[in-house]
Protein backbone atom coordinates (compact mmCIF):
# COMPACT_ATOMS: atom_id res chain seq x y z
CA MET A 1 3.35 -19.84 -31.47
CA LEU A 2 2.56 -17.60 -28.38
CA SER A 3 0.60 -19.87 -26.68
CA THR A 4 3.16 -21.48 -24.62
CA PRO A 5 4.65 -18.00 -23.00
CA LEU A 6 1.27 -16.62 -22.73
CA ALA A 7 -0.10 -19.65 -20.52
CA SER A 8 3.08 -19.23 -18.47
CA VAL A 9 2.09 -15.41 -18.13
CA LEU A 10 -1.83 -16.27 -17.76
CA ALA A 11 -0.60 -19.22 -15.15
CA ARG A 12 1.62 -16.47 -12.90
CA ARG A 13 -2.00 -15.11 -12.12
CA ASN A 14 -3.84 -18.17 -11.55
CA ILE A 15 -5.94 -17.64 -14.47
CA HIS A 16 -6.52 -20.83 -16.55
CA TYR A 17 -5.50 -20.57 -20.51
CA GLY A 18 -8.84 -21.96 -21.58
CA TRP A 19 -9.75 -19.07 -21.34
CA VAL A 20 -7.68 -17.72 -24.16
CA VAL A 21 -8.79 -20.80 -25.82
CA VAL A 22 -11.92 -19.64 -25.56
CA ALA A 23 -11.49 -16.42 -26.64
CA VAL A 24 -10.28 -17.69 -29.83
CA THR A 25 -12.75 -20.03 -30.89
CA PHE A 26 -15.29 -17.67 -30.36
CA LEU A 27 -14.01 -15.05 -32.59
CA SER A 28 -13.33 -18.23 -34.92
CA MET A 29 -17.13 -19.23 -34.68
CA LEU A 30 -18.82 -15.93 -34.75
CA VAL A 31 -17.06 -14.63 -38.30
CA SER A 32 -17.72 -18.27 -39.44
CA ALA A 33 -21.52 -18.00 -38.31
CA GLY A 34 -21.55 -14.62 -40.41
CA ALA A 35 -20.71 -16.43 -43.55
CA VAL A 36 -23.45 -18.87 -42.79
CA GLY A 37 -26.17 -15.98 -42.01
CA ALA A 38 -24.77 -13.68 -44.93
CA PRO A 39 -27.53 -15.41 -47.46
CA GLY A 40 -30.70 -14.46 -45.33
CA VAL A 41 -29.20 -10.78 -45.89
CA LEU A 42 -28.53 -11.46 -49.98
CA LEU A 43 -31.47 -13.09 -51.01
CA LEU A 44 -33.44 -10.26 -51.98
CA PRO A 45 -30.24 -8.50 -53.79
CA LEU A 46 -29.52 -11.40 -55.81
CA GLN A 47 -32.96 -12.00 -56.82
CA ARG A 48 -32.84 -8.40 -57.74
CA GLU A 49 -29.43 -8.26 -59.49
CA PHE A 50 -29.76 -11.70 -61.40
CA GLY A 51 -33.69 -12.70 -61.63
CA TRP A 52 -33.15 -15.74 -59.45
CA ASP A 53 -36.42 -16.80 -57.75
CA THR A 54 -36.78 -18.00 -54.47
CA ALA A 55 -36.78 -21.58 -54.37
CA ASP A 56 -33.46 -21.13 -56.70
CA ILE A 57 -31.75 -19.12 -53.62
CA SER A 58 -33.70 -21.24 -51.11
CA THR A 59 -31.87 -24.57 -52.39
CA ALA A 60 -28.15 -23.53 -52.57
CA MET A 61 -28.96 -22.33 -48.70
CA ALA A 62 -30.59 -25.47 -47.66
CA ILE A 63 -27.49 -27.51 -49.20
CA ARG A 64 -25.30 -25.17 -47.27
CA LEU A 65 -27.43 -26.14 -43.84
CA LEU A 66 -27.49 -29.66 -44.54
CA LEU A 67 -24.04 -30.20 -45.01
CA PHE A 68 -23.10 -27.93 -42.11
CA GLY A 69 -25.11 -31.03 -40.21
CA LEU A 70 -24.32 -33.44 -42.06
CA MET A 71 -20.89 -33.30 -41.43
CA GLY A 72 -20.90 -32.90 -37.77
CA PRO A 73 -20.31 -35.84 -36.70
CA PHE A 74 -17.25 -36.88 -39.27
CA ALA A 75 -16.08 -33.10 -38.24
CA ALA A 76 -15.80 -34.26 -34.33
CA ALA A 77 -14.03 -37.53 -35.01
CA MET A 78 -11.71 -35.48 -37.44
CA ILE A 79 -10.73 -32.80 -34.54
CA ASN A 80 -10.44 -35.90 -32.20
CA ARG A 81 -7.78 -37.66 -34.98
CA PHE A 82 -6.06 -34.37 -36.54
CA GLY A 83 -6.42 -31.66 -34.26
CA VAL A 84 -9.03 -28.75 -33.45
CA ARG A 85 -6.18 -26.06 -34.50
CA ARG A 86 -5.74 -27.68 -38.28
CA MET A 87 -9.46 -28.37 -38.85
CA VAL A 88 -10.52 -24.96 -37.73
CA LEU A 89 -7.58 -23.79 -40.12
CA SER A 90 -8.97 -25.80 -42.86
CA SER A 91 -12.72 -24.81 -42.28
CA LEU A 92 -11.85 -20.63 -42.51
CA THR A 93 -9.75 -21.41 -45.37
CA LEU A 94 -12.53 -23.42 -47.27
CA VAL A 95 -15.38 -20.67 -46.26
CA GLY A 96 -13.27 -17.71 -46.87
CA ALA A 97 -12.40 -19.44 -50.67
CA GLY A 98 -16.08 -20.21 -51.52
CA LEU A 99 -16.85 -16.64 -50.42
CA PHE A 100 -14.42 -14.78 -52.09
CA ALA A 101 -14.90 -17.08 -55.34
CA SER A 102 -18.78 -15.60 -55.21
CA LEU A 103 -17.73 -12.35 -56.42
CA ALA A 104 -17.56 -13.22 -59.50
CA MET A 105 -20.53 -15.44 -59.88
CA ARG A 106 -23.29 -15.08 -62.48
CA GLU A 107 -25.00 -18.07 -62.43
CA VAL A 108 -27.47 -19.87 -60.65
CA TRP A 109 -25.43 -23.38 -60.76
CA GLN A 110 -22.34 -21.11 -59.62
CA LEU A 111 -24.15 -20.31 -56.00
CA ILE A 112 -25.32 -23.85 -55.54
CA VAL A 113 -21.76 -24.97 -56.00
CA LEU A 114 -20.38 -21.96 -53.96
CA TRP A 115 -22.76 -21.22 -51.09
CA GLY A 116 -23.90 -24.30 -50.99
CA PHE A 117 -21.16 -27.27 -51.27
CA VAL A 118 -18.11 -25.48 -50.74
CA VAL A 119 -19.16 -22.82 -47.50
CA GLY A 120 -21.57 -25.86 -46.65
CA PHE A 121 -18.22 -28.30 -46.62
CA GLY A 122 -16.19 -25.77 -44.89
CA THR A 123 -18.74 -24.59 -42.00
CA GLY A 124 -19.27 -28.26 -41.58
CA LEU A 125 -15.84 -28.96 -41.25
CA THR A 126 -16.22 -28.04 -37.12
CA ALA A 127 -20.18 -27.42 -37.42
CA MET A 128 -21.17 -26.85 -33.98
CA VAL A 129 -19.11 -29.61 -32.15
CA LEU A 130 -15.85 -27.34 -32.21
CA GLY A 131 -17.98 -25.53 -29.05
CA ALA A 132 -18.89 -28.92 -27.44
CA THR A 133 -15.26 -30.19 -27.88
CA ILE A 134 -13.45 -26.99 -26.62
CA ALA A 135 -16.23 -27.00 -23.63
CA THR A 136 -15.53 -30.93 -22.55
CA ARG A 137 -11.45 -31.03 -23.41
CA TRP A 138 -10.74 -27.58 -21.21
CA PHE A 139 -13.22 -27.76 -18.87
CA VAL A 140 -14.82 -29.93 -15.94
CA ALA A 141 -16.02 -26.76 -13.63
CA ARG A 142 -17.69 -23.48 -15.67
CA ARG A 143 -18.59 -26.61 -18.59
CA GLY A 144 -21.97 -25.16 -19.26
CA LEU A 145 -20.97 -21.41 -19.18
CA VAL A 146 -18.44 -22.15 -21.69
CA ILE A 147 -20.80 -23.98 -23.85
CA GLY A 148 -23.02 -21.03 -23.20
CA LEU A 149 -20.73 -18.35 -24.39
CA LEU A 150 -19.39 -20.41 -27.78
CA THR A 151 -22.99 -21.15 -28.34
CA ALA A 152 -23.56 -17.86 -28.59
CA SER A 153 -20.90 -16.54 -30.26
CA SER A 154 -22.21 -18.52 -32.86
CA ALA A 155 -25.68 -18.16 -33.15
CA THR A 156 -25.18 -13.91 -32.44
CA GLY A 157 -22.77 -14.12 -35.35
CA GLN A 158 -25.57 -14.78 -37.29
CA LEU A 159 -27.35 -12.20 -36.34
CA VAL A 160 -25.45 -9.39 -35.19
CA PHE A 161 -23.54 -9.28 -38.79
CA MET A 162 -26.80 -8.77 -40.53
CA PRO A 163 -27.54 -5.53 -40.00
CA PHE A 164 -24.06 -4.43 -41.07
CA LEU A 165 -23.84 -6.82 -44.16
CA SER A 166 -27.44 -5.07 -44.97
CA MET A 167 -26.10 -1.30 -44.89
CA LEU A 168 -22.89 -2.20 -46.75
CA THR A 169 -25.08 -4.11 -49.32
CA GLU A 170 -27.68 -1.05 -49.90
CA ALA A 171 -25.12 1.33 -49.74
CA TYR A 172 -22.23 -0.74 -51.85
CA GLY A 173 -23.40 -3.61 -53.42
CA TRP A 174 -23.31 -7.40 -51.88
CA ARG A 175 -19.94 -7.75 -52.80
CA THR A 176 -18.93 -5.59 -50.80
CA ALA A 177 -20.15 -6.88 -47.43
CA ILE A 178 -18.71 -10.50 -48.83
CA ALA A 179 -15.54 -8.84 -49.16
CA LEU A 180 -15.76 -8.13 -45.26
CA LEU A 181 -15.99 -11.58 -44.44
CA CYS A 182 -13.48 -12.59 -46.21
CA GLY A 183 -11.12 -10.16 -44.11
CA LEU A 184 -13.04 -11.13 -40.57
CA ILE A 185 -12.12 -14.83 -41.59
CA ALA A 186 -8.60 -14.18 -42.44
CA THR A 187 -8.06 -12.33 -39.24
CA ALA A 188 -9.70 -15.27 -37.03
CA ALA A 189 -7.67 -17.66 -38.96
CA LEU A 190 -3.97 -15.43 -37.67
CA ALA A 191 -5.65 -15.41 -34.28
CA MET A 192 -6.27 -19.11 -34.59
CA LEU A 193 -2.75 -19.81 -36.19
CA VAL A 194 -0.83 -18.66 -33.46
CA LEU A 195 -3.12 -19.22 -29.99
CA MET A 196 -5.02 -22.51 -30.34
CA ARG A 197 -3.81 -25.55 -28.64
CA ASP A 198 -5.53 -29.00 -29.03
CA ARG A 199 -5.47 -30.16 -25.24
CA PRO A 200 -4.51 -28.70 -21.99
CA ALA A 201 -2.20 -31.24 -21.57
CA ASP A 202 0.21 -29.48 -24.82
CA LEU A 203 1.03 -27.05 -22.03
CA GLY A 204 1.48 -29.02 -19.01
CA LEU A 205 -2.38 -28.48 -17.47
CA ALA A 206 -5.40 -29.85 -16.72
CA ALA A 207 -8.54 -28.88 -17.56
CA LEU A 208 -10.03 -26.57 -15.40
CA GLY A 209 -11.80 -27.79 -12.49
CA GLU A 210 -9.61 -31.87 -13.04
CA ALA A 211 -7.39 -33.27 -11.28
CA LYS A 212 -3.94 -33.09 -12.20
CA ASP A 213 -3.21 -37.02 -12.12
CA ALA A 214 -6.54 -37.35 -14.61
CA PRO A 215 -5.67 -40.19 -17.30
CA PRO A 216 -4.73 -38.90 -20.60
CA PRO A 217 -7.36 -39.09 -23.28
CA PRO A 218 -7.48 -42.54 -25.63
CA PRO A 219 -6.25 -42.33 -28.65
CA ALA A 220 -7.85 -41.16 -31.69
CA GLY A 221 -9.60 -44.34 -33.45
CA PRO A 222 -9.96 -44.09 -37.62
CA ILE A 223 -12.46 -41.19 -38.55
CA LEU A 224 -15.04 -43.25 -39.86
CA PRO A 225 -15.48 -46.37 -37.58
CA ALA A 226 -15.40 -43.44 -34.80
CA ALA A 227 -18.49 -41.54 -36.25
CA PHE A 228 -20.42 -44.71 -36.90
CA GLY A 229 -19.49 -46.41 -33.79
CA ALA A 230 -21.20 -43.53 -31.75
CA LEU A 231 -24.05 -43.49 -34.01
CA ARG A 232 -24.50 -47.04 -33.58
CA ASP A 233 -23.53 -47.19 -29.99
CA ALA A 234 -26.06 -43.95 -29.70
CA ALA A 235 -28.84 -44.94 -31.63
CA ALA A 236 -29.66 -48.00 -29.31
CA THR A 237 -31.23 -45.23 -26.90
CA ARG A 238 -34.12 -43.63 -26.00
CA THR A 239 -31.90 -40.34 -25.40
CA PHE A 240 -30.10 -40.18 -28.05
CA TRP A 241 -33.77 -40.40 -30.50
CA VAL A 242 -34.98 -38.02 -28.24
CA LEU A 243 -32.19 -35.44 -28.33
CA PHE A 244 -32.33 -35.75 -32.04
CA THR A 245 -36.15 -35.24 -32.61
CA THR A 246 -36.15 -32.32 -30.66
CA PHE A 247 -32.61 -30.76 -32.22
CA PHE A 248 -34.33 -31.38 -35.47
CA ILE A 249 -37.35 -29.23 -34.44
CA CYS A 250 -34.97 -26.50 -33.32
CA GLY A 251 -33.19 -26.15 -36.13
CA ALA A 252 -36.16 -26.08 -38.11
CA SER A 253 -37.36 -23.15 -35.89
CA THR A 254 -33.81 -21.36 -36.14
CA ASN A 255 -31.59 -21.52 -38.45
CA GLY A 256 -33.50 -23.02 -41.76
CA LEU A 257 -36.35 -19.96 -40.88
CA ILE A 258 -36.17 -17.06 -39.01
CA GLN A 259 -32.35 -16.60 -40.10
CA THR A 260 -32.79 -17.12 -44.18
CA HIS A 261 -36.50 -16.05 -44.46
CA LEU A 262 -37.89 -13.78 -41.51
CA ILE A 263 -36.15 -10.63 -43.80
CA PRO A 264 -38.42 -11.52 -46.65
CA LEU A 265 -41.09 -12.26 -44.81
CA CYS A 266 -41.00 -8.73 -43.62
CA VAL A 267 -40.72 -7.01 -46.83
CA ASP A 268 -43.38 -8.53 -47.98
CA PHE A 269 -45.45 -7.03 -44.97
CA SER A 270 -43.72 -3.47 -46.59
CA VAL A 271 -41.09 -3.28 -43.46
CA PRO A 272 -37.70 -2.06 -45.16
CA GLU A 273 -35.29 -4.53 -45.44
CA VAL A 274 -32.52 -2.57 -43.29
CA GLN A 275 -35.17 -2.40 -40.55
CA ALA A 276 -35.79 -6.07 -40.65
CA ALA A 277 -32.33 -6.97 -40.28
CA GLY A 278 -31.89 -5.11 -36.82
CA LEU A 279 -34.84 -6.94 -36.10
CA LEU A 280 -32.40 -10.03 -36.15
CA ALA A 281 -29.58 -7.72 -34.72
CA LEU A 282 -31.86 -6.74 -32.13
CA MET A 283 -32.48 -11.21 -31.49
CA GLY A 284 -28.68 -11.51 -31.36
CA ILE A 285 -28.20 -8.92 -28.61
CA PHE A 286 -30.82 -10.82 -26.44
CA ASP A 287 -29.84 -14.21 -27.87
CA PHE A 288 -26.47 -13.49 -26.49
CA ILE A 289 -27.71 -13.09 -23.03
CA GLY A 290 -29.93 -15.61 -23.06
CA THR A 291 -27.42 -18.70 -24.31
CA VAL A 292 -25.02 -17.63 -21.76
CA GLY A 293 -27.48 -17.47 -18.82
CA SER A 294 -28.70 -20.60 -20.15
CA GLY A 295 -25.23 -22.35 -19.81
CA TRP A 296 -25.19 -20.89 -16.82
CA LEU A 297 -28.64 -22.58 -15.54
CA SER A 298 -27.63 -25.67 -17.28
CA ASP A 299 -24.48 -25.99 -14.38
CA ARG A 300 -27.23 -25.42 -12.08
CA TYR A 301 -30.29 -26.97 -12.77
CA ASP A 302 -32.45 -29.82 -14.63
CA ASN A 303 -31.30 -29.84 -18.03
CA ARG A 304 -34.55 -31.41 -19.03
CA LEU A 305 -36.79 -28.55 -17.31
CA LEU A 306 -34.95 -25.93 -19.11
CA LEU A 307 -35.25 -27.84 -22.50
CA PHE A 308 -39.33 -28.25 -21.84
CA TRP A 309 -39.67 -24.55 -20.97
CA TYR A 310 -37.32 -23.58 -23.72
CA TYR A 311 -39.21 -25.15 -26.61
CA ALA A 312 -42.53 -24.44 -25.53
CA LEU A 313 -42.00 -20.73 -24.86
CA ARG A 314 -40.39 -20.55 -28.75
CA GLY A 315 -43.19 -22.43 -29.94
CA LEU A 316 -45.61 -19.40 -28.65
CA SER A 317 -43.56 -16.68 -30.29
CA LEU A 318 -43.44 -18.37 -33.43
CA LEU A 319 -47.14 -18.69 -33.33
CA TYR A 320 -47.33 -15.02 -32.09
CA LEU A 321 -45.84 -13.59 -35.13
CA PRO A 322 -48.58 -13.06 -37.42
CA TYR A 323 -50.79 -11.16 -34.73
CA SER A 324 -47.84 -8.84 -34.40
CA ASP A 325 -49.23 -7.08 -37.13
CA PHE A 326 -45.42 -6.50 -38.32
CA THR A 327 -45.59 -3.22 -36.14
CA LEU A 328 -42.70 -1.79 -35.10
CA TYR A 329 -43.22 -2.44 -31.56
CA GLY A 330 -44.73 -5.63 -32.04
CA LEU A 331 -41.86 -7.28 -34.11
CA SER A 332 -39.49 -5.44 -31.24
CA VAL A 333 -41.61 -7.81 -28.80
CA PHE A 334 -41.11 -11.11 -31.15
CA ALA A 335 -37.47 -10.25 -31.36
CA VAL A 336 -36.66 -9.77 -27.70
CA PHE A 337 -38.76 -12.93 -26.53
CA TYR A 338 -37.52 -14.90 -29.65
CA GLY A 339 -34.03 -13.62 -29.29
CA LEU A 340 -33.67 -14.74 -25.57
CA ASP A 341 -34.80 -18.32 -26.65
CA TRP A 342 -32.91 -18.78 -29.72
CA ILE A 343 -30.43 -21.46 -29.32
CA ALA A 344 -30.86 -21.39 -25.89
CA THR A 345 -31.72 -25.26 -25.77
CA VAL A 346 -27.33 -26.00 -27.10
CA PRO A 347 -26.25 -26.04 -23.14
CA PRO A 348 -28.71 -28.35 -22.08
CA THR A 349 -28.58 -30.47 -24.97
CA VAL A 350 -24.80 -30.78 -24.73
CA ARG A 351 -24.80 -31.68 -21.20
CA LEU A 352 -27.36 -33.90 -21.01
CA THR A 353 -25.06 -35.41 -24.61
CA ALA A 354 -22.12 -35.58 -21.90
CA GLU A 355 -23.47 -36.68 -19.21
CA ARG A 356 -25.56 -39.75 -21.23
CA PHE A 357 -22.59 -40.51 -23.30
CA GLY A 358 -19.73 -40.20 -21.72
CA ARG A 359 -17.07 -37.07 -21.94
CA GLU A 360 -14.56 -38.21 -24.32
CA ARG A 361 -17.60 -39.47 -27.01
CA ALA A 362 -19.75 -36.11 -26.26
CA ASN A 363 -19.01 -34.51 -29.34
CA LEU A 364 -19.48 -37.53 -31.42
CA VAL A 365 -22.38 -38.28 -30.46
CA PHE A 366 -23.08 -34.56 -30.42
CA GLY A 367 -22.49 -34.40 -34.00
CA TRP A 368 -25.54 -36.78 -34.51
CA VAL A 369 -27.80 -35.04 -32.38
CA PHE A 370 -26.22 -31.55 -34.52
CA ALA A 371 -26.99 -33.45 -37.92
CA GLY A 372 -30.81 -33.43 -36.72
CA HIS A 373 -30.58 -29.84 -35.70
CA GLN A 374 -29.49 -28.98 -39.61
CA LEU A 375 -32.06 -31.20 -41.52
CA GLY A 376 -35.00 -29.61 -39.69
CA ALA A 377 -32.76 -26.48 -40.88
CA ALA A 378 -32.34 -27.94 -44.41
CA ALA A 379 -36.08 -28.88 -44.23
CA ALA A 380 -37.35 -25.35 -42.90
CA ALA A 381 -35.16 -23.38 -45.02
CA PHE A 382 -36.53 -24.96 -48.58
CA GLY A 383 -40.07 -25.22 -47.29
CA ALA A 384 -40.38 -21.84 -46.66
CA GLY A 385 -39.20 -20.89 -49.72
CA LEU A 386 -41.36 -23.44 -51.41
CA SER A 387 -44.35 -22.03 -49.60
CA ARG A 388 -43.67 -18.45 -50.82
CA THR A 389 -42.93 -20.00 -54.09
CA VAL A 390 -46.66 -21.92 -54.13
CA LEU A 391 -48.56 -20.40 -51.95
CA GLN A 392 -47.23 -16.56 -52.01
CA SER A 393 -46.75 -16.69 -48.27
CA TYR A 394 -44.40 -17.73 -45.29
CA LEU A 395 -47.09 -17.31 -43.09
CA PRO A 396 -47.44 -21.35 -42.95
CA ALA A 397 -44.09 -22.20 -42.87
CA PHE A 398 -44.00 -20.15 -39.27
CA ALA A 399 -47.07 -21.67 -38.14
CA ILE A 400 -45.93 -25.55 -38.66
CA ALA A 401 -42.61 -24.30 -37.25
CA GLY A 402 -44.14 -22.70 -33.51
CA ALA A 403 -46.74 -26.07 -33.45
CA LEU A 404 -43.40 -28.29 -33.83
CA CYS A 405 -42.10 -26.80 -31.17
CA LEU A 406 -44.65 -27.50 -28.68
CA VAL A 407 -44.32 -31.01 -29.96
CA ALA A 408 -40.61 -30.47 -28.51
CA ALA A 409 -41.37 -29.60 -25.72
CA LEU A 410 -43.66 -32.49 -24.89
CA LEU A 411 -41.10 -35.26 -26.07
CA VAL A 412 -38.50 -33.65 -24.02
CA PRO A 413 -40.00 -35.40 -20.91
CA MET A 414 -39.19 -38.70 -22.22
CA LEU A 415 -35.91 -38.71 -21.45
CA GLY A 416 -36.34 -39.51 -18.03
CA ARG A 417 -33.64 -39.28 -14.96
CA GLY A 418 -30.86 -41.03 -16.02
CA ALA A 419 -32.33 -43.19 -19.09
CA GLY A 420 -30.89 -43.98 -21.72
CA ARG A 421 -27.39 -44.06 -20.46
CA ALA A 422 -24.78 -45.25 -22.79
CA LYS A 423 -23.10 -47.97 -21.64
CA PRO A 424 -19.18 -48.00 -21.29
CA ALA A 425 -16.49 -49.58 -24.38
CA ALA A 426 -15.88 -52.29 -21.82
CA ALA A 427 -19.19 -53.26 -20.52
CA ARG A 428 -20.05 -53.55 -24.61
CA GLY A 429 -17.28 -55.66 -25.30
């Protein structure tokens, strides 16, 4: 591995190796996010080639999003037990295998198995808890900024890849787009293999901003008891249920809705597919700005106040969408405004989780909170597809998502300052 000599070189320049870990994790999450977001571009090409209806394809997408979320707490426990590098390599291998095998699919059940179960399980092995784990293990100072960067990599990957995949699909077919993703996944796996280390202590370092004599982390316990034990303790607090519910709404209004169904919605209003995919790319650019900015803000301001405004503004943007008349100007305004808020909710949610439930359990509890996010995403992915099939319109689903975001904004003040803080393990006896 190159990590040891590289860490020594960086240390002489007063650069913490944690930033290399962030870069490798950023790349891994970026390409994994491209795999998660690809079905939003490929929905219409699959319909045209195979004659599958929207509800059938949405079923596979819903399963993928559901597994991506439900694996979260168990992914955190497996990362704690087996290490970051092993779990990320396992994740990338499964995702790459599922995508590669899909090049030969011909039946809708194959789509459900490969893009639903295999890719869903593979991405779920790390899920969003990977970024939370890296931020809390390697950083005390700049933690919010790191969470913002890694969250932006995931969300931006889902959006920025879409126009490129759309152009490739239009010019050469959807199989070429999938082959490109497989190559990028292999590149990320190689970088992870040679540069990733599990903890700062593996290189004789402390986390950035942490005292060098900090106590070592407790040993990781068995996977299922660790995951369900974190849920048992967290579920006894109001904080957990507020974060879980608001993150459910977050997932319903982002991954499950916009990422999956915005392009088909735009096509219904005579917007070309490539132009619609370009809107997602524009969202991705502004999402990167908004999410990194959210991480910076979360290090400095009340995270509850940030969440209130993020959910309220997102709700208003979704309610505005039908009134954009689906013109280039109207959709561009929506893309910029919504993009800034796409997943800005993650840095303050992770920080609140770490603050209330402790550094070593933060990724486990956030895994359960993130499960709520993906339950919402799966419900929206399926529900919007069903709305299009039954009602011949996506608009009811978008209106419901906007109203739910306003509900989430009203729930955030229930967190209270310091309310619902989990007791330390020793106090629970």
